[in-house]
């Protein structure tokens, strides 16, 4: 069944004489109809050779006894979160009212990693990753972790305590470097944040032996081999007071 358009074509006969609506100007009548059972179906059906404004005028006259001489079309726009819309059936032969398209792959997304750079007497704390680690086995790396759901990059404080037992206050952290990494083995870009700490309490201990087998202080001028490549690049950039590095991008 055809639906109304918003434009009245030329040469349309004038509507019948009107009478004042029996409603105060500040109130608007709304229609609730059992026949409009489909989500998104809220228009008045037109009859053959009937235009939109004619259909609306006829419906108003038939259903609530109001005759309106002139109708003016208008459009309202709003935005909704499609993920929170309740799905429902559409009218037969019509497309769904809302079609949600999932983003392809990870376009526009990045994994955020947070790293802790603890420097004492010119030496930096590095841990040797377990030989069975999925990432960088038997390689030296900073205390680090990915940002968890609902967590800011300050989750590095939690990671450090879980891995080393060190306690650090958020107020003692400073962002020292940002490394924009595109790993050749992964299509997902990674934003690696490196935080320095002005102070901390405790001594590093191996609390997760399945991930790290030892912690050791290494001179910044003599990092061990092998050290994670982007970790080495970030530490060298920090020593030069360089705030940003892009790595792996062509």
C-alpha atoms as a PDB file:
ATOM      1  CA  UNK A   1       0.000   0.000   0.000  1.00  0.00           C
ATOM      2  CA  UNK A   2       1.533   3.394  -0.966  1.00  0.00           C
ATOM      3  CA  UNK A   3       2.694   5.711   1.810  1.00  0.00           C
ATOM      4  CA  UNK A   4       2.562   9.450   2.107  1.00  0.00           C
ATOM      5  CA  UNK A   5       5.204  11.757   0.754  1.00  0.00           C
ATOM      6  CA  UNK A   6       5.846  15.126   2.336  1.00  0.00           C
ATOM      7  CA  UNK A   7       5.162  17.226  -0.762  1.00  0.00           C
ATOM      8  CA  UNK A   8       1.808  18.210  -2.172  1.00  0.00           C
ATOM      9  CA  UNK A   9       1.805  18.170  -6.014  1.00  0.00           C
ATOM     10  CA  UNK A  10       0.501  21.176  -7.958  1.00  0.00           C
ATOM     11  CA  UNK A  11      -3.104  21.582  -9.075  1.00  0.00           C
ATOM     12  CA  UNK A  12      -4.476  19.747  -6.059  1.00  0.00           C
ATOM     13  CA  UNK A  13      -8.106  20.676  -5.362  1.00  0.00           C
ATOM     14  CA  UNK A  14      -8.508  22.809  -2.235  1.00  0.00           C
ATOM     15  CA  UNK A  15      -9.686  20.960   0.868  1.00  0.00           C
ATOM     16  CA  UNK A  16     -13.239  21.177   2.139  1.00  0.00           C
ATOM     17  CA  UNK A  17     -14.214  24.103   4.369  1.00  0.00           C
ATOM     18  CA  UNK A  18     -12.856  23.725   7.842  1.00  0.00           C
ATOM     19  CA  UNK A  19     -14.206  24.005  11.280  1.00  0.00           C
ATOM     20  CA  UNK A  20     -12.197  24.837  14.343  1.00  0.00           C
ATOM     21  CA  UNK A  21     -10.738  21.794  16.098  1.00  0.00           C
ATOM     22  CA  UNK A  22     -12.348  21.035  19.472  1.00  0.00           C
ATOM     23  CA  UNK A  23      -8.963  21.088  21.183  1.00  0.00           C
ATOM     24  CA  UNK A  24      -7.164  23.904  22.970  1.00  0.00           C
ATOM     25  CA  UNK A  25      -4.284  25.345  20.882  1.00  0.00           C
ATOM     26  CA  UNK A  26      -1.759  24.081  23.415  1.00  0.00           C
ATOM     27  CA  UNK A  27      -2.837  20.428  23.053  1.00  0.00           C
ATOM     28  CA  UNK A  28      -2.209  18.065  20.156  1.00  0.00           C
ATOM     29  CA  UNK A  29      -4.348  14.964  19.519  1.00  0.00           C
ATOM     30  CA  UNK A  30      -2.396  11.742  19.090  1.00  0.00           C
ATOM     31  CA  UNK A  31      -3.677   8.569  17.474  1.00  0.00           C
ATOM     32  CA  UNK A  32      -3.348   5.125  18.986  1.00  0.00           C
ATOM     33  CA  UNK A  33      -4.498   2.412  16.615  1.00  0.00           C
ATOM     34  CA  UNK A  34      -4.462  -1.344  16.991  1.00  0.00           C
ATOM     35  CA  UNK A  35      -3.877  -1.760  13.290  1.00  0.00           C
ATOM     36  CA  UNK A  36      -0.440  -0.153  13.522  1.00  0.00           C
ATOM     37  CA  UNK A  37       1.167  -3.222  14.996  1.00  0.00           C
ATOM     38  CA  UNK A  38       4.461  -3.028  13.158  1.00  0.00           C
ATOM     39  CA  UNK A  39       7.538  -1.175  14.343  1.00  0.00           C
ATOM     40  CA  UNK A  40       8.157   1.834  12.133  1.00  0.00           C
ATOM     41  CA  UNK A  41       4.617   1.777  10.630  1.00  0.00           C
ATOM     42  CA  UNK A  42       3.121   5.019  11.845  1.00  0.00           C
ATOM     43  CA  UNK A  43       1.845   6.632   8.617  1.00  0.00           C
ATOM     44  CA  UNK A  44      -1.698   6.996   7.315  1.00  0.00           C
ATOM     45  CA  UNK A  45      -2.400   4.753   4.307  1.00  0.00           C
ATOM     46  CA  UNK A  46      -3.469   6.553   1.165  1.00  0.00           C
ATOM     47  CA  UNK A  47      -6.293   5.526  -1.080  1.00  0.00           C
ATOM     48  CA  UNK A  48      -5.989   5.302  -4.841  1.00  0.00           C
ATOM     49  CA  UNK A  49      -5.065   8.639  -6.495  1.00  0.00           C
ATOM     50  CA  UNK A  50      -4.934  10.256  -3.033  1.00  0.00           C
ATOM     51  CA  UNK A  51      -2.050  12.451  -1.958  1.00  0.00           C
ATOM     52  CA  UNK A  52      -0.404  12.589   1.437  1.00  0.00           C
ATOM     53  CA  UNK A  53      -2.118  15.706   2.791  1.00  0.00           C
ATOM     54  CA  UNK A  54      -5.471  14.517   1.476  1.00  0.00           C
ATOM     55  CA  UNK A  55      -5.066  11.177   3.248  1.00  0.00           C
ATOM     56  CA  UNK A  56      -4.175  12.845   6.533  1.00  0.00           C
ATOM     57  CA  UNK A  57      -7.103  15.292   6.269  1.00  0.00           C
ATOM     58  CA  UNK A  58      -9.501  12.429   5.502  1.00  0.00           C
ATOM     59  CA  UNK A  59      -8.202  10.304   8.396  1.00  0.00           C
ATOM     60  CA  UNK A  60      -8.594  13.192  10.835  1.00  0.00           C
ATOM     61  CA  UNK A  61     -12.134  13.903   9.648  1.00  0.00           C
ATOM     62  CA  UNK A  62     -13.194  10.246   9.752  1.00  0.00           C
ATOM     63  CA  UNK A  63     -11.618   9.286  13.060  1.00  0.00           C
ATOM     64  CA  UNK A  64     -11.871  12.343  15.305  1.00  0.00           C
ATOM     65  CA  UNK A  65     -14.054  14.802  13.382  1.00  0.00           C
ATOM     66  CA  UNK A  66     -11.437  17.484  12.778  1.00  0.00           C
ATOM     67  CA  UNK A  67     -11.239  19.335   9.462  1.00  0.00           C
ATOM     68  CA  UNK A  68      -8.024  21.231   8.755  1.00  0.00           C
ATOM     69  CA  UNK A  69      -7.803  23.610   5.758  1.00  0.00           C
ATOM     70  CA  UNK A  70      -4.038  23.631   5.254  1.00  0.00           C
ATOM     71  CA  UNK A  71      -1.359  21.111   6.166  1.00  0.00           C
ATOM     72  CA  UNK A  72       2.342  21.877   6.316  1.00  0.00           C
ATOM     73  CA  UNK A  73       4.837  19.051   6.191  1.00  0.00           C
ATOM     74  CA  UNK A  74       7.840  18.983   8.488  1.00  0.00           C
ATOM     75  CA  UNK A  75      10.650  16.625   9.389  1.00  0.00           C
ATOM     76  CA  UNK A  76      12.123  15.915  12.817  1.00  0.00           C
ATOM     77  CA  UNK A  77      15.574  14.429  13.211  1.00  0.00           C
ATOM     78  CA  UNK A  78      17.056  12.643  16.183  1.00  0.00           C
ATOM     79  CA  UNK A  79      19.851  10.180  16.863  1.00  0.00           C
ATOM     80  CA  UNK A  80      19.452   6.868  18.649  1.00  0.00           C
ATOM     81  CA  UNK A  81      21.836   4.198  19.813  1.00  0.00           C
ATOM     82  CA  UNK A  82      20.972   1.351  17.455  1.00  0.00           C
ATOM     83  CA  UNK A  83      22.406  -1.217  19.862  1.00  0.00           C
ATOM     84  CA  UNK A  84      19.706  -0.328  22.412  1.00  0.00           C
ATOM     85  CA  UNK A  85      16.743  -0.473  20.052  1.00  0.00           C
ATOM     86  CA  UNK A  86      14.308  -3.298  20.641  1.00  0.00           C
ATOM     87  CA  UNK A  87      13.995  -5.348  17.440  1.00  0.00           C
ATOM     88  CA  UNK A  88      10.527  -6.014  16.096  1.00  0.00           C
ATOM     89  CA  UNK A  89       8.793  -7.292  12.973  1.00  0.00           C
ATOM     90  CA  UNK A  90       8.554  -5.104   9.899  1.00  0.00           C
ATOM     91  CA  UNK A  91       5.582  -4.758   7.602  1.00  0.00           C
ATOM     92  CA  UNK A  92       5.388  -7.473   5.006  1.00  0.00           C
ATOM     93  CA  UNK A  93       7.385  -6.593   1.936  1.00  0.00           C
ATOM     94  CA  UNK A  94       9.319  -3.784   3.598  1.00  0.00           C
ATOM     95  CA  UNK A  95      12.874  -3.596   4.855  1.00  0.00           C
ATOM     96  CA  UNK A  96      13.575  -3.425   8.595  1.00  0.00           C
ATOM     97  CA  UNK A  97      13.128   0.038  10.054  1.00  0.00           C
ATOM     98  CA  UNK A  98      16.684   0.059  11.444  1.00  0.00           C
ATOM     99  CA  UNK A  99      19.536  -1.832   9.855  1.00  0.00           C
ATOM    100  CA  UNK A 100      22.689  -2.045  11.963  1.00  0.00           C
ATOM    101  CA  UNK A 101      25.913  -2.737  10.159  1.00  0.00           C
ATOM    102  CA  UNK A 102      28.742  -4.123  12.212  1.00  0.00           C
ATOM    103  CA  UNK A 103      32.152  -2.557  11.523  1.00  0.00           C
ATOM    104  CA  UNK A 104      34.385  -4.728   9.394  1.00  0.00           C
ATOM    105  CA  UNK A 105      37.392  -6.051  11.260  1.00  0.00           C
ATOM    106  CA  UNK A 106      39.070  -3.581  13.588  1.00  0.00           C
ATOM    107  CA  UNK A 107      38.961  -0.549  11.321  1.00  0.00           C
ATOM    108  CA  UNK A 108      39.646   2.556  13.339  1.00  0.00           C
ATOM    109  CA  UNK A 109      40.431   0.634  16.528  1.00  0.00           C
ATOM    110  CA  UNK A 110      43.689   0.231  18.398  1.00  0.00           C
ATOM    111  CA  UNK A 111      44.833  -1.888  21.307  1.00  0.00           C
ATOM    112  CA  UNK A 112      46.131   0.234  24.184  1.00  0.00           C
ATOM    113  CA  UNK A 113      49.038  -1.040  26.236  1.00  0.00           C
ATOM    114  CA  UNK A 114      50.470   0.592  29.376  1.00  0.00           C
ATOM    115  CA  UNK A 115      54.085   0.142  30.486  1.00  0.00           C
ATOM    116  CA  UNK A 116      55.864   1.098  33.673  1.00  0.00           C
ATOM    117  CA  UNK A 117      59.346   2.603  33.442  1.00  0.00           C
ATOM    118  CA  UNK A 118      61.024   2.448  36.855  1.00  0.00           C
ATOM    119  CA  UNK A 119      64.498   3.983  36.869  1.00  0.00           C
ATOM    120  CA  UNK A 120      66.836   3.794  39.863  1.00  0.00           C
ATOM    121  CA  UNK A 121      70.429   5.028  39.794  1.00  0.00           C
ATOM    122  CA  UNK A 122      70.493   4.999  35.997  1.00  0.00           C
ATOM    123  CA  UNK A 123      69.087   1.464  35.744  1.00  0.00           C
ATOM    124  CA  UNK A 124      65.647   0.374  34.535  1.00  0.00           C
ATOM    125  CA  UNK A 125      63.599  -2.541  35.861  1.00  0.00           C
ATOM    126  CA  UNK A 126      63.058  -5.288  33.280  1.00  0.00           C
ATOM    127  CA  UNK A 127      61.537  -8.728  33.595  1.00  0.00           C
ATOM    128  CA  UNK A 128      62.456 -11.855  31.637  1.00  0.00           C
ATOM    129  CA  UNK A 129      59.350 -13.339  30.074  1.00  0.00           C
ATOM    130  CA  UNK A 130      58.649 -17.049  30.457  1.00  0.00           C
ATOM    131  CA  UNK A 131      59.904 -19.334  27.714  1.00  0.00           C
ATOM    132  CA  UNK A 132      56.329 -20.464  27.029  1.00  0.00           C
ATOM    133  CA  UNK A 133      54.906 -16.949  26.736  1.00  0.00           C
ATOM    134  CA  UNK A 134      52.837 -16.349  23.618  1.00  0.00           C
ATOM    135  CA  UNK A 135      54.437 -12.914  23.259  1.00  0.00           C
ATOM    136  CA  UNK A 136      58.211 -12.421  23.283  1.00  0.00           C
ATOM    137  CA  UNK A 137      59.244 -15.660  25.063  1.00  0.00           C
ATOM    138  CA  UNK A 138      62.555 -15.511  26.981  1.00  0.00           C
ATOM    139  CA  UNK A 139      62.805 -11.793  26.175  1.00  0.00           C
ATOM    140  CA  UNK A 140      63.301  -8.851  28.534  1.00  0.00           C
ATOM    141  CA  UNK A 141      60.394  -6.460  28.869  1.00  0.00           C
ATOM    142  CA  UNK A 142      58.978  -3.730  31.107  1.00  0.00           C
ATOM    143  CA  UNK A 143      56.135  -4.365  33.568  1.00  0.00           C
ATOM    144  CA  UNK A 144      53.141  -3.915  31.287  1.00  0.00           C
ATOM    145  CA  UNK A 145      49.605  -4.919  30.417  1.00  0.00           C
ATOM    146  CA  UNK A 146      46.670  -4.154  28.176  1.00  0.00           C
ATOM    147  CA  UNK A 147      43.945  -1.785  29.265  1.00  0.00           C
ATOM    148  CA  UNK A 148      41.008  -3.790  30.581  1.00  0.00           C
ATOM    149  CA  UNK A 149      37.332  -3.095  29.890  1.00  0.00           C
ATOM    150  CA  UNK A 150      36.158  -0.030  31.825  1.00  0.00           C
ATOM    151  CA  UNK A 151      39.713   0.806  32.918  1.00  0.00           C
ATOM    152  CA  UNK A 152      41.942   3.752  32.079  1.00  0.00           C
ATOM    153  CA  UNK A 153      45.616   3.448  31.273  1.00  0.00           C
ATOM    154  CA  UNK A 154      46.202   3.811  35.009  1.00  0.00           C
ATOM    155  CA  UNK A 155      45.577   0.077  35.085  1.00  0.00           C
ATOM    156  CA  UNK A 156      49.357  -0.131  34.807  1.00  0.00           C
ATOM    157  CA  UNK A 157      49.384   0.426  38.591  1.00  0.00           C
ATOM    158  CA  UNK A 158      47.326  -2.725  39.081  1.00  0.00           C
ATOM    159  CA  UNK A 159      49.492  -4.650  36.623  1.00  0.00           C
ATOM    160  CA  UNK A 160      52.673  -3.604  38.413  1.00  0.00           C
ATOM    161  CA  UNK A 161      51.360  -4.698  41.801  1.00  0.00           C
ATOM    162  CA  UNK A 162      50.157  -8.042  40.438  1.00  0.00           C
ATOM    163  CA  UNK A 163      53.427  -8.759  38.630  1.00  0.00           C
ATOM    164  CA  UNK A 164      56.032  -7.275  40.962  1.00  0.00           C
ATOM    165  CA  UNK A 165      54.367  -6.445  44.287  1.00  0.00           C
ATOM    166  CA  UNK A 166      55.372  -2.791  43.950  1.00  0.00           C
ATOM    167  CA  UNK A 167      52.911  -0.149  45.145  1.00  0.00           C
ATOM    168  CA  UNK A 168      52.622   3.083  43.172  1.00  0.00           C
ATOM    169  CA  UNK A 169      50.281   6.043  43.593  1.00  0.00           C
ATOM    170  CA  UNK A 170      48.605   7.440  40.503  1.00  0.00           C
ATOM    171  CA  UNK A 171      49.788  10.922  41.450  1.00  0.00           C
ATOM    172  CA  UNK A 172      53.395   9.708  41.147  1.00  0.00           C
ATOM    173  CA  UNK A 173      53.016   8.611  37.505  1.00  0.00           C
ATOM    174  CA  UNK A 174      53.889  10.722  34.472  1.00  0.00           C
ATOM    175  CA  UNK A 175      53.418   9.880  30.807  1.00  0.00           C
ATOM    176  CA  UNK A 176      56.922   9.769  29.360  1.00  0.00           C
ATOM    177  CA  UNK A 177      56.390   8.401  25.866  1.00  0.00           C
ATOM    178  CA  UNK A 178      53.775   7.253  23.351  1.00  0.00           C
ATOM    179  CA  UNK A 179      54.723   4.636  20.779  1.00  0.00           C
ATOM    180  CA  UNK A 180      52.408   4.180  17.791  1.00  0.00           C
ATOM    181  CA  UNK A 181      53.071   0.582  16.778  1.00  0.00           C
ATOM    182  CA  UNK A 182      51.998  -1.418  13.741  1.00  0.00           C
ATOM    183  CA  UNK A 183      53.286  -4.940  14.197  1.00  0.00           C
ATOM    184  CA  UNK A 184      53.901  -6.743  10.875  1.00  0.00           C
ATOM    185  CA  UNK A 185      52.355  -9.863  12.390  1.00  0.00           C
ATOM    186  CA  UNK A 186      49.091  -8.156  13.377  1.00  0.00           C
ATOM    187  CA  UNK A 187      46.588  -6.011  11.432  1.00  0.00           C
ATOM    188  CA  UNK A 188      45.600  -4.135  14.607  1.00  0.00           C
ATOM    189  CA  UNK A 189      47.552  -0.963  15.486  1.00  0.00           C
ATOM    190  CA  UNK A 190      48.745  -0.692  19.068  1.00  0.00           C
ATOM    191  CA  UNK A 191      49.164   2.452  21.120  1.00  0.00           C
ATOM    192  CA  UNK A 192      51.863   1.783  23.705  1.00  0.00           C
ATOM    193  CA  UNK A 193      51.986   4.231  26.619  1.00  0.00           C
ATOM    194  CA  UNK A 194      55.060   4.447  28.848  1.00  0.00           C
ATOM    195  CA  UNK A 195      54.755   5.910  32.341  1.00  0.00           C
ATOM    196  CA  UNK A 196      57.601   6.840  34.665  1.00  0.00           C
ATOM    197  CA  UNK A 197      57.175   6.881  38.447  1.00  0.00           C
ATOM    198  CA  UNK A 198      58.774   9.433  40.721  1.00  0.00           C
ATOM    199  CA  UNK A 199      58.591   7.004  43.657  1.00  0.00           C
ATOM    200  CA  UNK A 200      57.232   3.613  44.686  1.00  0.00           C
ATOM    201  CA  UNK A 201      57.325   1.282  47.658  1.00  0.00           C
ATOM    202  CA  UNK A 202      58.574  -2.289  47.890  1.00  0.00           C
ATOM    203  CA  UNK A 203      61.107  -4.415  46.032  1.00  0.00           C
ATOM    204  CA  UNK A 204      60.272  -6.300  42.823  1.00  0.00           C
ATOM    205  CA  UNK A 205      59.370  -9.959  43.306  1.00  0.00           C
ATOM    206  CA  UNK A 206      58.318 -12.725  40.915  1.00  0.00           C
ATOM    207  CA  UNK A 207      54.589 -13.060  41.657  1.00  0.00           C
ATOM    208  CA  UNK A 208      53.490 -14.515  38.315  1.00  0.00           C
ATOM    209  CA  UNK A 209      56.165 -17.085  37.454  1.00  0.00           C
ATOM    210  CA  UNK A 210      54.156 -18.395  34.512  1.00  0.00           C
ATOM    211  CA  UNK A 211      54.633 -14.995  32.861  1.00  0.00           C
ATOM    212  CA  UNK A 212      57.930 -13.658  34.195  1.00  0.00           C
ATOM    213  CA  UNK A 213      60.822 -15.668  35.641  1.00  0.00           C
ATOM    214  CA  UNK A 214      62.964 -12.853  37.089  1.00  0.00           C
ATOM    215  CA  UNK A 215      63.224  -9.098  37.599  1.00  0.00           C
ATOM    216  CA  UNK A 216      66.500  -7.243  37.269  1.00  0.00           C
ATOM    217  CA  UNK A 217      67.792  -3.677  37.130  1.00  0.00           C
ATOM    218  CA  UNK A 218      69.664  -3.016  33.885  1.00  0.00           C
ATOM    219  CA  UNK A 219      71.722   0.087  33.015  1.00  0.00           C
ATOM    220  CA  UNK A 220      69.895   2.217  30.458  1.00  0.00           C
ATOM    221  CA  UNK A 221      73.116   2.332  28.448  1.00  0.00           C
ATOM    222  CA  UNK A 222      73.511  -1.461  28.431  1.00  0.00           C
ATOM    223  CA  UNK A 223      70.132  -3.143  27.930  1.00  0.00           C
ATOM    224  CA  UNK A 224      70.183  -6.942  27.839  1.00  0.00           C
ATOM    225  CA  UNK A 225      69.729  -9.134  24.800  1.00  0.00           C
ATOM    226  CA  UNK A 226      67.158  -9.910  23.745  1.00  0.00           C
ATOM    227  CA  UNK A 227      64.945  -6.981  24.756  1.00  0.00           C
ATOM    228  CA  UNK A 228      61.534  -6.461  23.158  1.00  0.00           C
ATOM    229  CA  UNK A 229      62.246  -4.293  20.127  1.00  0.00           C
ATOM    230  CA  UNK A 230      59.637  -1.610  20.752  1.00  0.00           C
ATOM    231  CA  UNK A 231      60.593  -1.475  24.450  1.00  0.00           C
ATOM    232  CA  UNK A 232      64.184  -0.716  23.501  1.00  0.00           C
ATOM    233  CA  UNK A 233      63.013   1.947  21.035  1.00  0.00           C
ATOM    234  CA  UNK A 234      60.809   3.582  23.686  1.00  0.00           C
ATOM    235  CA  UNK A 235      63.561   3.619  26.331  1.00  0.00           C
ATOM    236  CA  UNK A 236      65.972   5.205  23.870  1.00  0.00           C
ATOM    237  CA  UNK A 237      63.338   7.824  22.985  1.00  0.00           C
ATOM    238  CA  UNK A 238      62.718   8.566  26.671  1.00  0.00           C
ATOM    239  CA  UNK A 239      66.443   9.107  27.214  1.00  0.00           C
ATOM    240  CA  UNK A 240      66.299  11.725  24.427  1.00  0.00           C
ATOM    241  CA  UNK A 241      63.105  13.313  25.840  1.00  0.00           C
ATOM    242  CA  UNK A 242      61.258  12.382  22.648  1.00  0.00           C
ATOM    243  CA  UNK A 243      57.515  12.211  23.405  1.00  0.00           C
ATOM    244  CA  UNK A 244      56.318  10.204  20.386  1.00  0.00           C
ATOM    245  CA  UNK A 245      57.564   7.420  18.124  1.00  0.00           C
ATOM    246  CA  UNK A 246      55.867   5.766  15.145  1.00  0.00           C
ATOM    247  CA  UNK A 247      57.108   2.252  14.534  1.00  0.00           C
ATOM    248  CA  UNK A 248      56.226  -0.258  11.820  1.00  0.00           C
ATOM    249  CA  UNK A 249      54.325   2.204   9.623  1.00  0.00           C
ATOM    250  CA  UNK A 250      55.456   2.550   6.035  1.00  0.00           C
END
